[in-house]
Amino acid sequence: MNNLNPEDTAVYYCAASQIWGLRTWGDPRLYD
């Protein structure tokens, strides 16, 4: 993360999806 601004303030999470070929990456419900 470069050129950070105050709007980037948050708790950051990594998540793993096991759905092979997943297209809708932004849906947190699809992460295991």
Full PDB file with SEQRES, HELIX, SHEET, SSBOND, CRYST1, ORIGX, SCALE, CONECT and MASTER records, all heavy atoms in Angstrom:
SEQRES   1 A   32  MET ASN ASN LEU ASN PRO GLU ASP THR ALA VAL TYR TYR          
SEQRES   2 A   32  CYS ALA ALA SER GLN ILE TRP GLY LEU ARG THR TRP GLY          
SEQRES   3 A   32  ASP PRO ARG LEU TYR ASP                                      
HELIX    1 AA1 PRO A    6  ASP A    8  5                                   3    
HELIX    2 AA2 PRO A   28  LEU A   30  5                                   3    
CRYST1    1.000    1.000    1.000  90.00  90.00  90.00 P 1           1          
ORIGX1      1.000000  0.000000  0.000000        0.00000                         
ORIGX2      0.000000  1.000000  0.000000        0.00000                         
ORIGX3      0.000000  0.000000  1.000000        0.00000                         
SCALE1      1.000000  0.000000  0.000000        0.00000                         
SCALE2      0.000000  1.000000  0.000000        0.00000                         
SCALE3      0.000000  0.000000  1.000000        0.00000                         
ATOM      1  N   MET A   1       0.847  -1.180   0.000  1.00  0.00           N  
ATOM      2  CA  MET A   1       0.000   0.000   0.000  1.00  0.00           C  
ATOM      3  C   MET A   1       0.887   1.236   0.000  1.00  0.00           C  
ATOM      4  O   MET A   1       1.639   1.468   0.949  1.00  0.00           O  
ATOM      5  CB  MET A   1      -0.930   0.007   1.212  1.00  0.00           C  
ATOM      6  CG  MET A   1      -1.797  -1.241   1.316  1.00  0.00           C  
ATOM      7  SD  MET A   1      -2.964  -1.172   2.700  1.00  0.00           S  
ATOM      8  CE  MET A   1      -1.819  -1.247   4.077  1.00  0.00           C  
ATOM      9  N   ASN A   2       0.796   2.015  -1.063  1.00  0.00           N  
ATOM     10  CA  ASN A   2       1.559   3.244  -1.202  1.00  0.00           C  
ATOM     11  C   ASN A   2       0.627   4.442  -1.238  1.00  0.00           C  
ATOM     12  O   ASN A   2      -0.557   4.322  -1.533  1.00  0.00           O  
ATOM     13  CB  ASN A   2       2.403   3.210  -2.475  1.00  0.00           C  
ATOM     14  CG  ASN A   2       3.418   2.096  -2.490  1.00  0.00           C  
ATOM     15  OD1 ASN A   2       3.983   1.736  -1.461  1.00  0.00           O  
ATOM     16  ND2 ASN A   2       3.675   1.544  -3.682  1.00  0.00           N  
ATOM     17  N   ASN A   3       1.200   5.610  -0.958  1.00  0.00           N  
ATOM     18  CA  ASN A   3       0.445   6.858  -0.985  1.00  0.00           C  
ATOM     19  C   ASN A   3      -0.849   6.744  -0.190  1.00  0.00           C  
ATOM     20  O   ASN A   3      -1.931   7.091  -0.660  1.00  0.00           O  
ATOM     21  CB  ASN A   3       0.159   7.276  -2.429  1.00  0.00           C  
ATOM     22  CG  ASN A   3      -0.316   8.706  -2.544  1.00  0.00           C  
ATOM     23  OD1 ASN A   3      -0.025   9.543  -1.691  1.00  0.00           O  
ATOM     24  ND2 ASN A   3      -1.072   8.998  -3.601  1.00  0.00           N  
ATOM     25  N   LEU A   4      -0.726   6.276   1.022  1.00  0.00           N  
ATOM     26  CA  LEU A   4      -1.894   6.077   1.865  1.00  0.00           C  
ATOM     27  C   LEU A   4      -2.522   7.402   2.262  1.00  0.00           C  
ATOM     28  O   LEU A   4      -1.833   8.415   2.420  1.00  0.00           O  
ATOM     29  CB  LEU A   4      -1.514   5.293   3.110  1.00  0.00           C  
ATOM     30  CG  LEU A   4      -1.229   3.807   2.872  1.00  0.00           C  
ATOM     31  CD1 LEU A   4      -0.418   3.220   4.016  1.00  0.00           C  
ATOM     32  CD2 LEU A   4      -2.546   3.050   2.705  1.00  0.00           C  
ATOM     33  N   ASN A   5      -3.826   7.390   2.421  1.00  0.00           N  
ATOM     34  CA  ASN A   5      -4.561   8.558   2.893  1.00  0.00           C  
ATOM     35  C   ASN A   5      -5.469   8.135   4.041  1.00  0.00           C  
ATOM     36  O   ASN A   5      -5.694   6.941   4.261  1.00  0.00           O  
ATOM     37  CB  ASN A   5      -5.348   9.213   1.751  1.00  0.00           C  
ATOM     38  CG  ASN A   5      -6.354   8.282   1.111  1.00  0.00           C  
ATOM     39  OD1 ASN A   5      -7.313   7.866   1.750  1.00  0.00           O  
ATOM     40  ND2 ASN A   5      -6.146   7.966  -0.164  1.00  0.00           N  
ATOM     41  N   PRO A   6      -5.990   9.095   4.804  1.00  0.00           N  
ATOM     42  CA  PRO A   6      -6.806   8.717   5.965  1.00  0.00           C  
ATOM     43  C   PRO A   6      -8.019   7.858   5.624  1.00  0.00           C  
ATOM     44  O   PRO A   6      -8.483   7.100   6.480  1.00  0.00           O  
ATOM     45  CB  PRO A   6      -7.228  10.079   6.546  1.00  0.00           C  
ATOM     46  CG  PRO A   6      -6.123  10.994   6.167  1.00  0.00           C  
ATOM     47  CD  PRO A   6      -5.697  10.541   4.797  1.00  0.00           C  
ATOM     48  N   GLU A   7      -8.524   7.954   4.412  1.00  0.00           N  
ATOM     49  CA  GLU A   7      -9.663   7.136   4.003  1.00  0.00           C  
ATOM     50  C   GLU A   7      -9.309   5.657   3.894  1.00  0.00           C  
ATOM     51  O   GLU A   7     -10.209   4.820   3.801  1.00  0.00           O  
ATOM     52  CB  GLU A   7     -10.239   7.641   2.679  1.00  0.00           C  
ATOM     53  CG  GLU A   7     -10.978   8.972   2.775  1.00  0.00           C  
ATOM     54  CD  GLU A   7     -10.062  10.131   3.110  1.00  0.00           C  
ATOM     55  OE1 GLU A   7      -8.957  10.218   2.532  1.00  0.00           O  
ATOM     56  OE2 GLU A   7     -10.454  10.971   3.959  1.00  0.00           O  
ATOM     57  N   ASP A   8      -8.022   5.343   3.897  1.00  0.00           N  
ATOM     58  CA  ASP A   8      -7.595   3.953   3.885  1.00  0.00           C  
ATOM     59  C   ASP A   8      -7.600   3.333   5.278  1.00  0.00           C  
ATOM     60  O   ASP A   8      -7.352   2.126   5.411  1.00  0.00           O  
ATOM     61  CB  ASP A   8      -6.195   3.829   3.284  1.00  0.00           C  
ATOM     62  CG  ASP A   8      -6.140   4.241   1.821  1.00  0.00           C  
ATOM     63  OD1 ASP A   8      -7.023   3.801   1.046  1.00  0.00           O  
ATOM     64  OD2 ASP A   8      -5.220   4.998   1.454  1.00  0.00           O  
ATOM     65  N   THR A   9      -7.849   4.115   6.302  1.00  0.00           N  
ATOM     66  CA  THR A   9      -7.872   3.604   7.660  1.00  0.00           C  
ATOM     67  C   THR A   9      -8.986   2.580   7.819  1.00  0.00           C  
ATOM     68  O   THR A   9     -10.154   2.867   7.541  1.00  0.00           O  
ATOM     69  CB  THR A   9      -8.057   4.746   8.664  1.00  0.00           C  
ATOM     70  OG1 THR A   9      -6.915   5.612   8.620  1.00  0.00           O  
ATOM     71  CG2 THR A   9      -8.213   4.209  10.078  1.00  0.00           C  
ATOM     72  N   ALA A  10      -8.631   1.389   8.263  1.00  0.00           N  
ATOM     73  CA  ALA A  10      -9.592   0.303   8.404  1.00  0.00           C  
ATOM     74  C   ALA A  10      -8.883  -0.898   8.999  1.00  0.00           C  
ATOM     75  O   ALA A  10      -7.656  -0.928   9.113  1.00  0.00           O  
ATOM     76  CB  ALA A  10     -10.200  -0.070   7.043  1.00  0.00           C  
ATOM     77  N   VAL A  11      -9.675  -1.891   9.367  1.00  0.00           N  
ATOM     78  CA  VAL A  11      -9.140  -3.207   9.653  1.00  0.00           C  
ATOM     79  C   VAL A  11      -9.074  -3.966   8.337  1.00  0.00           C  
ATOM     80  O   VAL A  11     -10.072  -4.068   7.619  1.00  0.00           O  
ATOM     81  CB  VAL A  11      -9.998  -3.975  10.673  1.00  0.00           C  
ATOM     82  CG1 VAL A  11      -9.448  -5.378  10.890  1.00  0.00           C  
ATOM     83  CG2 VAL A  11     -10.046  -3.222  11.998  1.00  0.00           C  
ATOM     84  N   TYR A  12      -7.911  -4.478   8.027  1.00  0.00           N  
ATOM     85  CA  TYR A  12      -7.694  -5.195   6.775  1.00  0.00           C  
ATOM     86  C   TYR A  12      -7.680  -6.692   7.033  1.00  0.00           C  
ATOM     87  O   TYR A  12      -7.037  -7.176   7.966  1.00  0.00           O  
ATOM     88  CB  TYR A  12      -6.378  -4.761   6.127  1.00  0.00           C  
ATOM     89  CG  TYR A  12      -6.466  -3.427   5.443  1.00  0.00           C  
ATOM     90  CD1 TYR A  12      -6.607  -2.258   6.177  1.00  0.00           C  
ATOM     91  CD2 TYR A  12      -6.429  -3.325   4.046  1.00  0.00           C  
ATOM     92  CE1 TYR A  12      -6.713  -1.027   5.552  1.00  0.00           C  
ATOM     93  CE2 TYR A  12      -6.521  -2.102   3.417  1.00  0.00           C  
ATOM     94  CZ  TYR A  12      -6.664  -0.956   4.168  1.00  0.00           C  
ATOM     95  OH  TYR A  12      -6.760   0.260   3.546  1.00  0.00           O  
ATOM     96  N   TYR A  13      -8.385  -7.424   6.192  1.00  0.00           N  
ATOM     97  CA  TYR A  13      -8.501  -8.868   6.306  1.00  0.00           C  
ATOM     98  C   TYR A  13      -8.037  -9.534   5.021  1.00  0.00           C  
ATOM     99  O   TYR A  13      -8.376  -9.079   3.927  1.00  0.00           O  
ATOM    100  CB  TYR A  13      -9.955  -9.298   6.544  1.00  0.00           C  
ATOM    101  CG  TYR A  13     -10.598  -8.746   7.786  1.00  0.00           C  
ATOM    102  CD1 TYR A  13     -11.263  -7.528   7.762  1.00  0.00           C  
ATOM    103  CD2 TYR A  13     -10.560  -9.458   8.973  1.00  0.00           C  
ATOM    104  CE1 TYR A  13     -11.866  -7.019   8.895  1.00  0.00           C  
ATOM    105  CE2 TYR A  13     -11.165  -8.965  10.111  1.00  0.00           C  
ATOM    106  CZ  TYR A  13     -11.815  -7.743  10.069  1.00  0.00           C  
ATOM    107  OH  TYR A  13     -12.419  -7.250  11.194  1.00  0.00           O  
ATOM    108  N   CYS A  14      -7.301 -10.621   5.151  1.00  0.00           N  
ATOM    109  CA  CYS A  14      -7.102 -11.490   4.006  1.00  0.00           C  
ATOM    110  C   CYS A  14      -8.112 -12.619   4.080  1.00  0.00           C  
ATOM    111  O   CYS A  14      -8.579 -12.995   5.158  1.00  0.00           O  
ATOM    112  CB  CYS A  14      -5.667 -12.027   3.921  1.00  0.00           C  
ATOM    113  SG  CYS A  14      -5.125 -13.053   5.302  1.00  0.00           S  
ATOM    114  N   ALA A  15      -8.472 -13.141   2.939  1.00  0.00           N  
ATOM    115  CA  ALA A  15      -9.486 -14.176   2.854  1.00  0.00           C  
ATOM    116  C   ALA A  15      -9.176 -15.095   1.688  1.00  0.00           C  
ATOM    117  O   ALA A  15      -8.613 -14.661   0.679  1.00  0.00           O  
ATOM    118  CB  ALA A  15     -10.877 -13.554   2.678  1.00  0.00           C  
ATOM    119  N   ALA A  16      -9.550 -16.354   1.829  1.00  0.00           N  
ATOM    120  CA  ALA A  16      -9.281 -17.363   0.817  1.00  0.00           C  
ATOM    121  C   ALA A  16     -10.582 -17.957   0.313  1.00  0.00           C  
ATOM    122  O   ALA A  16     -11.434 -18.359   1.107  1.00  0.00           O  
ATOM    123  CB  ALA A  16      -8.384 -18.466   1.381  1.00  0.00           C  
ATOM    124  N   SER A  17     -10.712 -18.013  -0.996  1.00  0.00           N  
ATOM    125  CA  SER A  17     -11.845 -18.672  -1.627  1.00  0.00           C  
ATOM    126  C   SER A  17     -11.389 -19.946  -2.307  1.00  0.00           C  
ATOM    127  O   SER A  17     -10.384 -19.948  -3.030  1.00  0.00           O  
ATOM    128  CB  SER A  17     -12.517 -17.756  -2.653  1.00  0.00           C  
ATOM    129  OG  SER A  17     -13.559 -18.439  -3.321  1.00  0.00           O  
ATOM    130  N   GLN A  18     -12.133 -21.005  -2.099  1.00  0.00           N  
ATOM    131  CA  GLN A  18     -11.861 -22.287  -2.718  1.00  0.00           C  
ATOM    132  C   GLN A  18     -12.723 -22.531  -3.953  1.00  0.00           C  
ATOM    133  O   GLN A  18     -12.717 -23.638  -4.495  1.00  0.00           O  
ATOM    134  CB  GLN A  18     -12.065 -23.419  -1.707  1.00  0.00           C  
ATOM    135  CG  GLN A  18     -11.128 -23.344  -0.511  1.00  0.00           C  
ATOM    136  CD  GLN A  18     -11.408 -24.411   0.513  1.00  0.00           C  
ATOM    137  OE1 GLN A  18     -12.555 -24.609   0.934  1.00  0.00           O  
ATOM    138  NE2 GLN A  18     -10.374 -25.116   0.932  1.00  0.00           N  
ATOM    139  N   ILE A  19     -13.450 -21.523  -4.387  1.00  0.00           N  
ATOM    140  CA  ILE A  19     -14.311 -21.659  -5.553  1.00  0.00           C  
ATOM    141  C   ILE A  19     -13.461 -21.514  -6.805  1.00  0.00           C  
ATOM    142  O   ILE A  19     -13.046 -20.406  -7.165  1.00  0.00           O  
ATOM    143  CB  ILE A  19     -15.449 -20.625  -5.534  1.00  0.00           C  
ATOM    144  CG1 ILE A  19     -16.281 -20.777  -4.269  1.00  0.00           C  
ATOM    145  CG2 ILE A  19     -16.317 -20.765  -6.779  1.00  0.00           C  
ATOM    146  CD1 ILE A  19     -17.356 -19.726  -4.108  1.00  0.00           C  
ATOM    147  N   TRP A  20     -13.213 -22.623  -7.463  1.00  0.00           N  
ATOM    148  CA  TRP A  20     -12.376 -22.604  -8.648  1.00  0.00           C  
ATOM    149  C   TRP A  20     -13.061 -21.834  -9.765  1.00  0.00           C  
ATOM    150  O   TRP A  20     -14.227 -22.090 -10.084  1.00  0.00           O  
ATOM    151  CB  TRP A  20     -12.042 -24.021  -9.089  1.00  0.00           C  
ATOM    152  CG  TRP A  20     -10.857 -24.078  -9.987  1.00  0.00           C  
ATOM    153  CD1 TRP A  20     -10.850 -24.237 -11.330  1.00  0.00           C  
ATOM    154  CD2 TRP A  20      -9.485 -23.962  -9.583  1.00  0.00           C  
ATOM    155  NE1 TRP A  20      -9.565 -24.233 -11.803  1.00  0.00           N  
ATOM    156  CE2 TRP A  20      -8.702 -24.067 -10.751  1.00  0.00           C  
ATOM    157  CE3 TRP A  20      -8.858 -23.791  -8.356  1.00  0.00           C  
ATOM    158  CZ2 TRP A  20      -7.310 -23.986 -10.721  1.00  0.00           C  
ATOM    159  CZ3 TRP A  20      -7.468 -23.707  -8.326  1.00  0.00           C  
ATOM    160  CH2 TRP A  20      -6.720 -23.809  -9.497  1.00  0.00           C  
ATOM    161  N   GLY A  21     -12.344 -20.906 -10.354  1.00  0.00           N  
ATOM    162  CA  GLY A  21     -12.899 -20.086 -11.410  1.00  0.00           C  
ATOM    163  C   GLY A  21     -13.810 -18.974 -10.930  1.00  0.00           C  
ATOM    164  O   GLY A  21     -14.567 -18.423 -11.734  1.00  0.00           O  
ATOM    165  N   LEU A  22     -13.747 -18.631  -9.651  1.00  0.00           N  
ATOM    166  CA  LEU A  22     -14.566 -17.561  -9.097  1.00  0.00           C  
ATOM    167  C   LEU A  22     -14.464 -16.294  -9.934  1.00  0.00           C  
ATOM    168  O   LEU A  22     -13.368 -15.840 -10.280  1.00  0.00           O  
ATOM    169  CB  LEU A  22     -14.134 -17.272  -7.661  1.00  0.00           C  
ATOM    170  CG  LEU A  22     -14.849 -16.152  -6.931  1.00  0.00           C  
ATOM    171  CD1 LEU A  22     -16.291 -16.554  -6.630  1.00  0.00           C  
ATOM    172  CD2 LEU A  22     -14.112 -15.795  -5.643  1.00  0.00           C  
ATOM    173  N   ARG A  23     -15.618 -15.716 -10.271  1.00  0.00           N  
ATOM    174  CA  ARG A  23     -15.669 -14.503 -11.084  1.00  0.00           C  
ATOM    175  C   ARG A  23     -16.002 -13.256 -10.278  1.00  0.00           C  
ATOM    176  O   ARG A  23     -15.497 -12.174 -10.588  1.00  0.00           O  
ATOM    177  CB  ARG A  23     -16.682 -14.673 -12.223  1.00  0.00           C  
ATOM    178  CG  ARG A  23     -16.370 -15.833 -13.155  1.00  0.00           C  
ATOM    179  CD  ARG A  23     -17.405 -15.946 -14.271  1.00  0.00           C  
ATOM    180  NE  ARG A  23     -17.214 -17.157 -15.060  1.00  0.00           N  
ATOM    181  CZ  ARG A  23     -16.384 -17.249 -16.097  1.00  0.00           C  
ATOM    182  NH1 ARG A  23     -15.667 -16.202 -16.481  1.00  0.00           N  
ATOM    183  NH2 ARG A  23     -16.270 -18.396 -16.758  1.00  0.00           N  
ATOM    184  N   THR A  24     -16.841 -13.405  -9.265  1.00  0.00           N  
ATOM    185  CA  THR A  24     -17.248 -12.268  -8.450  1.00  0.00           C  
ATOM    186  C   THR A  24     -16.363 -12.195  -7.212  1.00  0.00           C  
ATOM    187  O   THR A  24     -16.769 -12.550  -6.098  1.00  0.00           O  
ATOM    188  CB  THR A  24     -18.730 -12.376  -8.068  1.00  0.00           C  
ATOM    189  OG1 THR A  24     -18.980 -13.662  -7.472  1.00  0.00           O  
ATOM    190  CG2 THR A  24     -19.609 -12.216  -9.288  1.00  0.00           C  
ATOM    191  N   TRP A  25     -15.168 -11.694  -7.410  1.00  0.00           N  
ATOM    192  CA  TRP A  25     -14.179 -11.691  -6.343  1.00  0.00           C  
ATOM    193  C   TRP A  25     -14.578 -10.823  -5.167  1.00  0.00           C  
ATOM    194  O   TRP A  25     -14.127 -11.065  -4.050  1.00  0.00           O  
ATOM    195  CB  TRP A  25     -12.837 -11.192  -6.875  1.00  0.00           C  
ATOM    196  CG  TRP A  25     -12.157 -12.111  -7.835  1.00  0.00           C  
ATOM    197  CD1 TRP A  25     -12.718 -13.125  -8.562  1.00  0.00           C  
ATOM    198  CD2 TRP A  25     -10.771 -12.102  -8.187  1.00  0.00           C  
ATOM    199  NE1 TRP A  25     -11.766 -13.752  -9.340  1.00  0.00           N  
ATOM    200  CE2 TRP A  25     -10.562 -13.133  -9.121  1.00  0.00           C  
ATOM    201  CE3 TRP A  25      -9.680 -11.319  -7.789  1.00  0.00           C  
ATOM    202  CZ2 TRP A  25      -9.307 -13.399  -9.676  1.00  0.00           C  
ATOM    203  CZ3 TRP A  25      -8.435 -11.578  -8.340  1.00  0.00           C  
ATOM    204  CH2 TRP A  25      -8.258 -12.609  -9.269  1.00  0.00           C  
ATOM    205  N   GLY A  26     -15.401  -9.819  -5.403  1.00  0.00           N  
ATOM    206  CA  GLY A  26     -15.707  -8.848  -4.374  1.00  0.00           C  
ATOM    207  C   GLY A  26     -16.784  -9.252  -3.395  1.00  0.00           C  
ATOM    208  O   GLY A  26     -17.067  -8.485  -2.468  1.00  0.00           O  
ATOM    209  N   ASP A  27     -17.362 -10.412  -3.542  1.00  0.00           N  
ATOM    210  CA  ASP A  27     -18.432 -10.872  -2.663  1.00  0.00           C  
ATOM    211  C   ASP A  27     -17.821 -11.622  -1.482  1.00  0.00           C  
ATOM    212  O   ASP A  27     -17.325 -12.737  -1.648  1.00  0.00           O  
ATOM    213  CB  ASP A  27     -19.384 -11.775  -3.434  1.00  0.00           C  
ATOM    214  CG  ASP A  27     -20.627 -12.133  -2.644  1.00  0.00           C  
ATOM    215  OD1 ASP A  27     -20.654 -11.906  -1.420  1.00  0.00           O  
ATOM    216  OD2 ASP A  27     -21.574 -12.644  -3.258  1.00  0.00           O  
ATOM    217  N   PRO A  28     -17.841 -11.046  -0.285  1.00  0.00           N  
ATOM    218  CA  PRO A  28     -17.213 -11.728   0.850  1.00  0.00           C  
ATOM    219  C   PRO A  28     -17.885 -13.039   1.217  1.00  0.00           C  
ATOM    220  O   PRO A  28     -17.254 -13.879   1.873  1.00  0.00           O  
ATOM    221  CB  PRO A  28     -17.339 -10.702   1.990  1.00  0.00           C  
ATOM    222  CG  PRO A  28     -18.486  -9.834   1.588  1.00  0.00           C  
ATOM    223  CD  PRO A  28     -18.431  -9.760   0.089  1.00  0.00           C  
ATOM    224  N   ARG A  29     -19.141 -13.237   0.803  1.00  0.00           N  
ATOM    225  CA  ARG A  29     -19.828 -14.485   1.096  1.00  0.00           C  
ATOM    226  C   ARG A  29     -19.216 -15.672   0.381  1.00  0.00           C  
ATOM    227  O   ARG A  29     -19.490 -16.819   0.747  1.00  0.00           O  
ATOM    228  CB  ARG A  29     -21.311 -14.376   0.723  1.00  0.00           C  
ATOM    229  CG  ARG A  29     -22.066 -13.289   1.463  1.00  0.00           C  
ATOM    230  CD  ARG A  29     -23.456 -13.110   0.884  1.00  0.00           C  
ATOM    231  NE  ARG A  29     -23.395 -12.696  -0.521  1.00  0.00           N  
ATOM    232  CZ  ARG A  29     -24.467 -12.531  -1.290  1.00  0.00           C  
ATOM    233  NH1 ARG A  29     -25.680 -12.737  -0.797  1.00  0.00           N  
ATOM    234  NH2 ARG A  29     -24.323 -12.145  -2.550  1.00  0.00           N  
ATOM    235  N   LEU A  30     -18.390 -15.422  -0.619  1.00  0.00           N  
ATOM    236  CA  LEU A  30     -17.807 -16.489  -1.414  1.00  0.00           C  
ATOM    237  C   LEU A  30     -16.408 -16.877  -0.953  1.00  0.00           C  
ATOM    238  O   LEU A  30     -15.727 -17.638  -1.639  1.00  0.00           O  
ATOM    239  CB  LEU A  30     -17.785 -16.084  -2.887  1.00  0.00           C  
ATOM    240  CG  LEU A  30     -19.159 -15.740  -3.468  1.00  0.00           C  
ATOM    241  CD1 LEU A  30     -19.038 -15.371  -4.935  1.00  0.00           C  
ATOM    242  CD2 LEU A  30     -20.130 -16.898  -3.298  1.00  0.00           C  
ATOM    243  N   TYR A  31     -15.992 -16.378   0.184  1.00  0.00           N  
ATOM    244  CA  TYR A  31     -14.696 -16.722   0.752  1.00  0.00           C  
ATOM    245  C   TYR A  31     -14.884 -17.653   1.936  1.00  0.00           C  
ATOM    246  O   TYR A  31     -15.759 -17.440   2.777  1.00  0.00           O  
ATOM    247  CB  TYR A  31     -13.931 -15.457   1.155  1.00  0.00           C  
ATOM    248  CG  TYR A  31     -13.446 -14.692  -0.046  1.00  0.00           C  
ATOM    249  CD1 TYR A  31     -14.308 -13.883  -0.776  1.00  0.00           C  
ATOM    250  CD2 TYR A  31     -12.122 -14.798  -0.475  1.00  0.00           C  
ATOM    251  CE1 TYR A  31     -13.869 -13.206  -1.901  1.00  0.00           C  
ATOM    252  CE2 TYR A  31     -11.683 -14.119  -1.584  1.00  0.00           C  
ATOM    253  CZ  TYR A  31     -12.554 -13.326  -2.298  1.00  0.00           C  
ATOM    254  OH  TYR A  31     -12.117 -12.654  -3.411  1.00  0.00           O  
ATOM    255  N   ASP A  32     -14.047 -18.666   1.992  1.00  0.00           N  
ATOM    256  CA  ASP A  32     -14.211 -19.741   2.954  1.00  0.00           C  
ATOM    257  C   ASP A  32     -13.450 -19.523   4.253  1.00  0.00           C  
ATOM    258  O   ASP A  32     -13.871 -20.009   5.307  1.00  0.00           O  
ATOM    259  CB  ASP A  32     -13.758 -21.064   2.321  1.00  0.00           C  
ATOM    260  CG  ASP A  32     -14.489 -21.379   1.035  1.00  0.00           C  
ATOM    261  OD1 ASP A  32     -15.650 -21.805   1.108  1.00  0.00           O  
ATOM    262  OD2 ASP A  32     -13.892 -21.197  -0.052  1.00  0.00           O  
TER     263      ASP A  32                                                      
MASTER        0    0    0    2    0    0    0    6  262    1    0    3          
END                                                                             
